Amino acid sequence: MTNLTAKDLDVLSHILTGEEMACKKARIYANTLTDVALAEEMGRIAAAHAERFSALFTMLNGGKK
């Protein structure tokens, strides 16, 4: 990976925080919604946020999980 500036790291940090929060909220919604279809969709949304978080985190660690 290329060298990142302090500003790059700051932006990535904010993106990671946003993905983490969105994942947590979607999981809460998935567990509390009574409409099964909406709950399942929230589960898929949570999984997508978790995947993006994981990919960004892995990229920041030079490809190491």
PDB file of N, CA and C in Angstrom:
ATOM      1  N   MET A   1       0.836  -1.182   0.000  1.00  0.00           N
ATOM      2  CA  MET A   1       0.000   0.000   0.000  1.00  0.00           C
ATOM      3  C   MET A   1       0.880   1.244   0.000  1.00  0.00           C
ATOM      4  N   THR A   2       0.392   2.284  -0.633  1.00  0.00           N
ATOM      5  CA  THR A   2       1.153   3.529  -0.694  1.00  0.00           C
ATOM      6  C   THR A   2       1.151   4.214   0.667  1.00  0.00           C
ATOM      7  N   ASN A   3       2.075   5.113   0.836  1.00  0.00           N
ATOM      8  CA  ASN A   3       2.142   5.872   2.082  1.00  0.00           C
ATOM      9  C   ASN A   3       0.959   6.819   2.161  1.00  0.00           C
ATOM     10  N   LEU A   4       0.294   6.817   3.275  1.00  0.00           N
ATOM     11  CA  LEU A   4      -0.862   7.678   3.484  1.00  0.00           C
ATOM     12  C   LEU A   4      -0.466   8.891   4.315  1.00  0.00           C
ATOM     13  N   THR A   5      -1.064  10.014   3.969  1.00  0.00           N
ATOM     14  CA  THR A   5      -0.820  11.230   4.741  1.00  0.00           C
ATOM     15  C   THR A   5      -1.681  11.193   6.003  1.00  0.00           C
ATOM     16  N   ALA A   6      -1.403  12.116   6.889  1.00  0.00           N
ATOM     17  CA  ALA A   6      -2.202  12.226   8.111  1.00  0.00           C
ATOM     18  C   ALA A   6      -3.659  12.521   7.767  1.00  0.00           C
ATOM     19  N   LYS A   7      -3.874  13.332   6.738  1.00  0.00           N
ATOM     20  CA  LYS A   7      -5.239  13.661   6.312  1.00  0.00           C
ATOM     21  C   LYS A   7      -5.940  12.416   5.768  1.00  0.00           C
ATOM     22  N   ASP A   8      -5.224  11.607   4.981  1.00  0.00           N
ATOM     23  CA  ASP A   8      -5.791  10.353   4.466  1.00  0.00           C
ATOM     24  C   ASP A   8      -6.223   9.450   5.614  1.00  0.00           C
ATOM     25  N   LEU A   9      -5.365   9.313   6.602  1.00  0.00           N
ATOM     26  CA  LEU A   9      -5.679   8.470   7.757  1.00  0.00           C
ATOM     27  C   LEU A   9      -6.859   9.006   8.540  1.00  0.00           C
ATOM     28  N   ASP A  10      -6.948  10.327   8.655  1.00  0.00           N
ATOM     29  CA  ASP A  10      -8.070  10.947   9.354  1.00  0.00           C
ATOM     30  C   ASP A  10      -9.383  10.655   8.621  1.00  0.00           C
ATOM     31  N   VAL A  11      -9.379  10.805   7.317  1.00  0.00           N
ATOM     32  CA  VAL A  11     -10.580  10.529   6.517  1.00  0.00           C
ATOM     33  C   VAL A  11     -10.966   9.060   6.627  1.00  0.00           C
ATOM     34  N   LEU A  12     -10.004   8.167   6.494  1.00  0.00           N
ATOM     35  CA  LEU A  12     -10.286   6.732   6.607  1.00  0.00           C
ATOM     36  C   LEU A  12     -10.808   6.373   7.993  1.00  0.00           C
ATOM     37  N   SER A  13     -10.285   7.033   9.001  1.00  0.00           N
ATOM     38  CA  SER A  13     -10.760   6.803  10.354  1.00  0.00           C
ATOM     39  C   SER A  13     -12.232   7.173  10.482  1.00  0.00           C
ATOM     40  N   HIS A  14     -12.611   8.297   9.900  1.00  0.00           N
ATOM     41  CA  HIS A  14     -14.013   8.728   9.934  1.00  0.00           C
ATOM     42  C   HIS A  14     -14.905   7.762   9.152  1.00  0.00           C
ATOM     43  N   ILE A  15     -14.409   7.293   8.017  1.00  0.00           N
ATOM     44  CA  ILE A  15     -15.187   6.335   7.223  1.00  0.00           C
ATOM     45  C   ILE A  15     -15.371   5.031   7.997  1.00  0.00           C
ATOM     46  N   LEU A  16     -14.306   4.557   8.628  1.00  0.00           N
ATOM     47  CA  LEU A  16     -14.406   3.328   9.432  1.00  0.00           C
ATOM     48  C   LEU A  16     -15.410   3.494  10.566  1.00  0.00           C
ATOM     49  N   THR A  17     -15.373   4.630  11.223  1.00  0.00           N
ATOM     50  CA  THR A  17     -16.320   4.897  12.306  1.00  0.00           C
ATOM     51  C   THR A  17     -17.746   4.897  11.773  1.00  0.00           C
ATOM     52  N   GLY A  18     -17.951   5.516  10.631  1.00  0.00           N
ATOM     53  CA  GLY A  18     -19.280   5.553  10.032  1.00  0.00           C
ATOM     54  C   GLY A  18     -19.777   4.174   9.650  1.00  0.00           C
ATOM     55  N   GLU A  19     -18.926   3.359   9.053  1.00  0.00           N
ATOM     56  CA  GLU A  19     -19.307   1.995   8.677  1.00  0.00           C
ATOM     57  C   GLU A  19     -19.633   1.159   9.919  1.00  0.00           C
ATOM     58  N   GLU A  20     -18.835   1.324  10.966  1.00  0.00           N
ATOM     59  CA  GLU A  20     -19.074   0.580  12.194  1.00  0.00           C
ATOM     60  C   GLU A  20     -20.416   0.960  12.821  1.00  0.00           C
ATOM     61  N   MET A  21     -20.687   2.247  12.874  1.00  0.00           N
ATOM     62  CA  MET A  21     -21.949   2.710  13.462  1.00  0.00           C
ATOM     63  C   MET A  21     -23.153   2.274  12.622  1.00  0.00           C
ATOM     64  N   ALA A  22     -23.023   2.369  11.309  1.00  0.00           N
ATOM     65  CA  ALA A  22     -24.121   1.957  10.431  1.00  0.00           C
ATOM     66  C   ALA A  22     -24.394   0.463  10.573  1.00  0.00           C
ATOM     67  N   CYS A  23     -23.343  -0.321  10.706  1.00  0.00           N
ATOM     68  CA  CYS A  23     -23.498  -1.764  10.903  1.00  0.00           C
ATOM     69  C   CYS A  23     -24.216  -2.055  12.216  1.00  0.00           C
ATOM     70  N   LYS A  24     -23.783  -1.402  13.281  1.00  0.00           N
ATOM     71  CA  LYS A  24     -24.404  -1.622  14.590  1.00  0.00           C
ATOM     72  C   LYS A  24     -25.883  -1.238  14.577  1.00  0.00           C
ATOM     73  N   LYS A  25     -26.201  -0.092  13.966  1.00  0.00           N
ATOM     74  CA  LYS A  25     -27.590   0.357  13.915  1.00  0.00           C
ATOM     75  C   LYS A  25     -28.441  -0.596  13.093  1.00  0.00           C
ATOM     76  N   ALA A  26     -27.921  -1.028  11.954  1.00  0.00           N
ATOM     77  CA  ALA A  26     -28.681  -1.958  11.110  1.00  0.00           C
ATOM     78  C   ALA A  26     -28.915  -3.276  11.841  1.00  0.00           C
ATOM     79  N   ARG A  27     -27.932  -3.738  12.615  1.00  0.00           N
ATOM     80  CA  ARG A  27     -28.122  -4.968  13.392  1.00  0.00           C
ATOM     81  C   ARG A  27     -29.194  -4.786  14.463  1.00  0.00           C
ATOM     82  N   ILE A  28     -29.200  -3.638  15.111  1.00  0.00           N
ATOM     83  CA  ILE A  28     -30.235  -3.354  16.113  1.00  0.00           C
ATOM     84  C   ILE A  28     -31.601  -3.364  15.451  1.00  0.00           C
ATOM     85  N   TYR A  29     -31.709  -2.684  14.310  1.00  0.00           N
ATOM     86  CA  TYR A  29     -32.987  -2.655  13.603  1.00  0.00           C
ATOM     87  C   TYR A  29     -33.402  -4.064  13.182  1.00  0.00           C
ATOM     88  N   ALA A  30     -32.452  -4.849  12.681  1.00  0.00           N
ATOM     89  CA  ALA A  30     -32.763  -6.217  12.247  1.00  0.00           C
ATOM     90  C   ALA A  30     -33.301  -7.053  13.404  1.00  0.00           C
ATOM     91  N   ASN A  31     -32.803  -6.789  14.600  1.00  0.00           N
ATOM     92  CA  ASN A  31     -33.231  -7.562  15.767  1.00  0.00           C
ATOM     93  C   ASN A  31     -34.513  -7.048  16.405  1.00  0.00           C
ATOM     94  N   THR A  32     -34.922  -5.823  16.078  1.00  0.00           N
ATOM     95  CA  THR A  32     -36.106  -5.259  16.721  1.00  0.00           C
ATOM     96  C   THR A  32     -37.311  -5.129  15.796  1.00  0.00           C
ATOM     97  N   LEU A  33     -37.090  -5.142  14.491  1.00  0.00           N
ATOM     98  CA  LEU A  33     -38.218  -5.012  13.565  1.00  0.00           C
ATOM     99  C   LEU A  33     -39.115  -6.245  13.622  1.00  0.00           C
ATOM    100  N   THR A  34     -40.409  -6.021  13.564  1.00  0.00           N
ATOM    101  CA  THR A  34     -41.351  -7.146  13.583  1.00  0.00           C
ATOM    102  C   THR A  34     -41.700  -7.616  12.173  1.00  0.00           C
ATOM    103  N   ASP A  35     -41.499  -6.757  11.184  1.00  0.00           N
ATOM    104  CA  ASP A  35     -41.716  -7.149   9.792  1.00  0.00           C
ATOM    105  C   ASP A  35     -40.519  -7.991   9.348  1.00  0.00           C
ATOM    106  N   VAL A  36     -40.774  -9.239   9.017  1.00  0.00           N
ATOM    107  CA  VAL A  36     -39.695 -10.174   8.697  1.00  0.00           C
ATOM    108  C   VAL A  36     -38.887  -9.709   7.486  1.00  0.00           C
ATOM    109  N   ALA A  37     -39.562  -9.234   6.458  1.00  0.00           N
ATOM    110  CA  ALA A  37     -38.854  -8.802   5.255  1.00  0.00           C
ATOM    111  C   ALA A  37     -37.930  -7.620   5.558  1.00  0.00           C
ATOM    112  N   LEU A  38     -38.413  -6.665   6.334  1.00  0.00           N
ATOM    113  CA  LEU A  38     -37.576  -5.520   6.702  1.00  0.00           C
ATOM    114  C   LEU A  38     -36.414  -5.949   7.588  1.00  0.00           C
ATOM    115  N   ALA A  39     -36.673  -6.847   8.512  1.00  0.00           N
ATOM    116  CA  ALA A  39     -35.604  -7.341   9.391  1.00  0.00           C
ATOM    117  C   ALA A  39     -34.516  -8.031   8.584  1.00  0.00           C
ATOM    118  N   GLU A  40     -34.925  -8.840   7.600  1.00  0.00           N
ATOM    119  CA  GLU A  40     -33.938  -9.518   6.755  1.00  0.00           C
ATOM    120  C   GLU A  40     -33.136  -8.519   5.928  1.00  0.00           C
ATOM    121  N   GLU A  41     -33.808  -7.499   5.410  1.00  0.00           N
ATOM    122  CA  GLU A  41     -33.107  -6.468   4.636  1.00  0.00           C
ATOM    123  C   GLU A  41     -32.108  -5.721   5.521  1.00  0.00           C
ATOM    124  N   MET A  42     -32.487  -5.415   6.738  1.00  0.00           N
ATOM    125  CA  MET A  42     -31.564  -4.756   7.668  1.00  0.00           C
ATOM    126  C   MET A  42     -30.370  -5.666   7.964  1.00  0.00           C
ATOM    127  N   GLY A  43     -30.608  -6.958   8.035  1.00  0.00           N
ATOM    128  CA  GLY A  43     -29.507  -7.905   8.226  1.00  0.00           C
ATOM    129  C   GLY A  43     -28.535  -7.865   7.058  1.00  0.00           C
ATOM    130  N   ARG A  44     -29.067  -7.788   5.836  1.00  0.00           N
ATOM    131  CA  ARG A  44     -28.207  -7.691   4.647  1.00  0.00           C
ATOM    132  C   ARG A  44     -27.441  -6.368   4.637  1.00  0.00           C
ATOM    133  N   ILE A  45     -28.116  -5.310   5.028  1.00  0.00           N
ATOM    134  CA  ILE A  45     -27.457  -4.005   5.079  1.00  0.00           C
ATOM    135  C   ILE A  45     -26.332  -4.017   6.118  1.00  0.00           C
ATOM    136  N   ALA A  46     -26.586  -4.611   7.261  1.00  0.00           N
ATOM    137  CA  ALA A  46     -25.555  -4.715   8.301  1.00  0.00           C
ATOM    138  C   ALA A  46     -24.353  -5.498   7.782  1.00  0.00           C
ATOM    139  N   ALA A  47     -24.626  -6.597   7.076  1.00  0.00           N
ATOM    140  CA  ALA A  47     -23.536  -7.413   6.536  1.00  0.00           C
ATOM    141  C   ALA A  47     -22.715  -6.625   5.511  1.00  0.00           C
ATOM    142  N   ALA A  48     -23.373  -5.818   4.690  1.00  0.00           N
ATOM    143  CA  ALA A  48     -22.653  -5.017   3.699  1.00  0.00           C
ATOM    144  C   ALA A  48     -21.752  -3.985   4.384  1.00  0.00           C
ATOM    145  N   HIS A  49     -22.255  -3.348   5.436  1.00  0.00           N
ATOM    146  CA  HIS A  49     -21.429  -2.389   6.175  1.00  0.00           C
ATOM    147  C   HIS A  49     -20.256  -3.098   6.840  1.00  0.00           C
ATOM    148  N   ALA A  50     -20.493  -4.278   7.390  1.00  0.00           N
ATOM    149  CA  ALA A  50     -19.417  -5.039   8.035  1.00  0.00           C
ATOM    150  C   ALA A  50     -18.344  -5.432   7.023  1.00  0.00           C
ATOM    151  N   GLU A  51     -18.755  -5.802   5.811  1.00  0.00           N
ATOM    152  CA  GLU A  51     -17.786  -6.156   4.767  1.00  0.00           C
ATOM    153  C   GLU A  51     -16.931  -4.953   4.378  1.00  0.00           C
ATOM    154  N   ARG A  52     -17.564  -3.791   4.210  1.00  0.00           N
ATOM    155  CA  ARG A  52     -16.803  -2.584   3.870  1.00  0.00           C
ATOM    156  C   ARG A  52     -15.836  -2.215   4.994  1.00  0.00           C
ATOM    157  N   PHE A  53     -16.298  -2.311   6.239  1.00  0.00           N
ATOM    158  CA  PHE A  53     -15.430  -2.017   7.380  1.00  0.00           C
ATOM    159  C   PHE A  53     -14.223  -2.946   7.345  1.00  0.00           C
ATOM    160  N   SER A  54     -14.480  -4.225   7.161  1.00  0.00           N
ATOM    161  CA  SER A  54     -13.403  -5.217   7.151  1.00  0.00           C
ATOM    162  C   SER A  54     -12.415  -4.963   6.014  1.00  0.00           C
ATOM    163  N   ALA A  55     -12.919  -4.646   4.836  1.00  0.00           N
ATOM    164  CA  ALA A  55     -12.045  -4.392   3.691  1.00  0.00           C
ATOM    165  C   ALA A  55     -11.164  -3.171   3.926  1.00  0.00           C
ATOM    166  N   LEU A  56     -11.753  -2.105   4.451  1.00  0.00           N
ATOM    167  CA  LEU A  56     -10.965  -0.896   4.741  1.00  0.00           C
ATOM    168  C   LEU A  56      -9.939  -1.152   5.831  1.00  0.00           C
ATOM    169  N   PHE A  57     -10.344  -1.858   6.865  1.00  0.00           N
ATOM    170  CA  PHE A  57      -9.426  -2.151   7.969  1.00  0.00           C
ATOM    171  C   PHE A  57      -8.265  -3.015   7.499  1.00  0.00           C
ATOM    172  N   THR A  58      -8.572  -4.013   6.654  1.00  0.00           N
ATOM    173  CA  THR A  58      -7.530  -4.870   6.106  1.00  0.00           C
ATOM    174  C   THR A  58      -6.563  -4.064   5.232  1.00  0.00           C
ATOM    175  N   MET A  59      -7.114  -3.162   4.423  1.00  0.00           N
ATOM    176  CA  MET A  59      -6.291  -2.324   3.565  1.00  0.00           C
ATOM    177  C   MET A  59      -5.344  -1.463   4.402  1.00  0.00           C
ATOM    178  N   LEU A  60      -5.848  -0.910   5.486  1.00  0.00           N
ATOM    179  CA  LEU A  60      -5.011  -0.073   6.350  1.00  0.00           C
ATOM    180  C   LEU A  60      -3.902  -0.865   7.025  1.00  0.00           C
ATOM    181  N   ASN A  61      -4.132  -2.148   7.241  1.00  0.00           N
ATOM    182  CA  ASN A  61      -3.128  -2.981   7.887  1.00  0.00           C
ATOM    183  C   ASN A  61      -2.229  -3.681   6.869  1.00  0.00           C
ATOM    184  N   GLY A  62      -2.199  -3.171   5.656  1.00  0.00           N
ATOM    185  CA  GLY A  62      -1.318  -3.717   4.627  1.00  0.00           C
ATOM    186  C   GLY A  62      -1.735  -5.081   4.141  1.00  0.00           C
ATOM    187  N   GLY A  63      -3.015  -5.379   4.159  1.00  0.00           N
ATOM    188  CA  GLY A  63      -3.527  -6.654   3.676  1.00  0.00           C
ATOM    189  C   GLY A  63      -3.547  -7.757   4.704  1.00  0.00           C
ATOM    190  N   LYS A  64      -3.174  -7.450   5.935  1.00  0.00           N
ATOM    191  CA  LYS A  64      -3.159  -8.451   7.002  1.00  0.00           C
ATOM    192  C   LYS A  64      -4.443  -8.353   7.810  1.00  0.00           C
ATOM    193  N   LYS A  65      -5.081  -9.479   8.036  1.00  0.00           N
ATOM    194  CA  LYS A  65      -6.322  -9.492   8.824  1.00  0.00           C
ATOM    195  C   LYS A  65      -6.043  -9.617  10.292  1.00  0.00           C
TER     196      LYS A  65
END
